Protein backbone atom coordinates (compact mmCIF):
# COMPACT_ATOMS: atom_id res chain seq x y z
CA MET A 1 -5.69 -3.53 -25.45
CA ALA A 2 -2.37 -4.78 -23.27
CA THR A 3 -1.42 -2.91 -19.94
CA LYS A 4 2.22 -0.85 -20.18
CA PHE A 5 4.19 -1.31 -17.26
CA HIS A 6 7.43 0.41 -15.88
CA VAL A 7 9.49 -3.06 -16.26
CA LYS A 8 9.67 -6.10 -18.47
CA ARG A 9 10.78 -9.48 -18.49
CA GLY A 10 14.72 -9.46 -17.90
CA ASP A 11 14.83 -6.37 -16.38
CA GLN A 12 16.99 -6.26 -12.96
CA VAL A 13 14.64 -4.78 -10.12
CA VAL A 14 14.82 -3.90 -6.54
CA VAL A 15 11.51 -4.37 -4.00
CA ILE A 16 10.66 -1.01 -2.86
CA ALA A 17 7.93 -1.95 -0.28
CA GLY A 18 6.02 -4.74 1.30
CA SER A 19 7.85 -7.76 2.93
CA HIS A 20 10.18 -8.51 0.78
CA LYS A 21 11.55 -4.44 0.63
CA GLY A 22 15.46 -4.50 -0.17
CA LYS A 23 15.61 -8.00 -2.24
CA SER A 24 16.43 -7.44 -5.90
CA GLY A 25 16.63 -10.02 -8.84
CA LYS A 26 15.59 -10.34 -12.36
CA ILE A 27 12.19 -10.41 -13.25
CA LEU A 28 11.30 -13.94 -14.80
CA GLU A 29 7.37 -13.14 -15.83
CA VAL A 30 5.08 -10.37 -16.02
CA LEU A 31 1.52 -11.43 -15.00
CA ALA A 32 -0.53 -8.42 -16.97
CA ALA A 33 -3.82 -9.37 -16.16
CA LYS A 34 -3.10 -9.25 -11.89
CA ASN A 35 -0.41 -6.25 -12.56
CA ARG A 36 2.07 -8.67 -10.95
CA ALA A 37 5.42 -9.79 -11.57
CA ARG A 38 7.97 -13.03 -10.81
CA ILE A 39 11.13 -12.18 -9.74
CA GLU A 40 14.01 -14.69 -9.40
CA GLY A 41 15.16 -15.68 -5.91
CA VAL A 42 12.05 -13.01 -4.14
CA ALA A 43 8.91 -14.05 -2.75
CA MET A 44 9.73 -17.80 -2.85
CA VAL A 45 6.70 -20.37 -2.04
CA LYS A 46 6.52 -23.89 -1.70
CA ARG A 47 4.66 -25.98 -4.04
CA HIS A 48 3.12 -29.33 -3.00
CA GLU A 49 3.24 -31.77 -5.88
CA LYS A 50 1.46 -34.83 -6.83
CA LYS A 51 2.86 -38.31 -7.72
CA SER A 52 3.68 -38.47 -11.10
CA GLU A 53 5.81 -40.81 -13.62
CA LYS A 54 8.90 -37.76 -13.24
CA ASN A 55 8.34 -37.48 -9.74
CA PRO A 56 6.87 -41.16 -8.40
CA GLN A 57 7.53 -39.86 -4.58
CA GLY A 58 5.83 -36.37 -5.06
CA ALA A 59 7.94 -33.28 -3.75
CA ILE A 60 7.44 -30.09 -2.06
CA THR A 61 9.60 -27.65 -4.21
CA GLU A 62 10.03 -24.06 -4.00
CA ARG A 63 9.62 -21.82 -6.63
CA GLU A 64 9.09 -18.19 -6.79
CA GLY A 65 5.52 -16.12 -5.80
CA SER A 66 4.61 -12.93 -7.78
CA VAL A 67 5.29 -9.35 -6.31
CA HIS A 68 3.03 -6.43 -7.74
CA VAL A 69 4.46 -3.96 -9.71
CA SER A 70 3.60 -1.00 -8.09
CA ASN A 71 6.34 -2.23 -5.20
CA LEU A 72 9.39 -2.29 -8.04
CA MET A 73 11.71 0.10 -9.18
CA THR A 74 14.19 -0.66 -12.06
CA ARG A 75 17.76 -1.04 -10.53
CA ALA A 76 19.44 1.79 -12.66
CA SER A 77 16.63 4.47 -11.23
CA TYR A 78 17.50 2.76 -7.90
CA ASP A 79 20.83 3.08 -8.07
CA ALA A 80 20.62 6.52 -9.13
CA SER A 81 18.03 7.75 -6.53
CA LYS A 82 18.04 8.81 -2.88
CA ARG A 83 16.27 5.52 -1.96
CA LYS A 84 19.84 3.71 -2.37
CA LYS A 85 21.31 6.26 0.58
CA LEU A 86 18.46 5.83 2.80
CA ALA A 87 18.33 2.44 2.81
CA PRO A 88 19.86 0.52 5.46
CA ALA A 89 23.34 -0.26 5.83
CA ALA A 90 25.10 -3.30 7.61
CA ALA A 91 26.69 -1.24 10.47
CA PRO A 92 30.19 -2.24 11.54
CA ALA A 93 30.16 -4.12 15.13
CA ALA A 94 31.99 -1.85 17.47
C-alpha cells in the first residue's frame, strides 16, 4: 500500500524546520520510499558528472536535494497560521 502524505507533486510548500527553514518552492518529486520530497530551488547539491558524449568535458552541476516531508507545510496553511507572523521579518535599518 502506498504511503499517504499531506503534500503532493506540484504543491507550493514552505520548509518549516531544518537548515533550509523559511525557504519555499514547488514540489518537483515525492520520494515515498524515503519520506522525502524535492523542492524547486531548495537544498541544492552539487553533482559531479562523468565525461560523456553529451558532455565531453564532464561537469559539476547543481540540482535539488531532498527534504523530509515532516519539515514541509503547504503554502496556504502556512499563510493562514501563526507561523507566518512569528517568522523573522527583515528589520528596517535605523
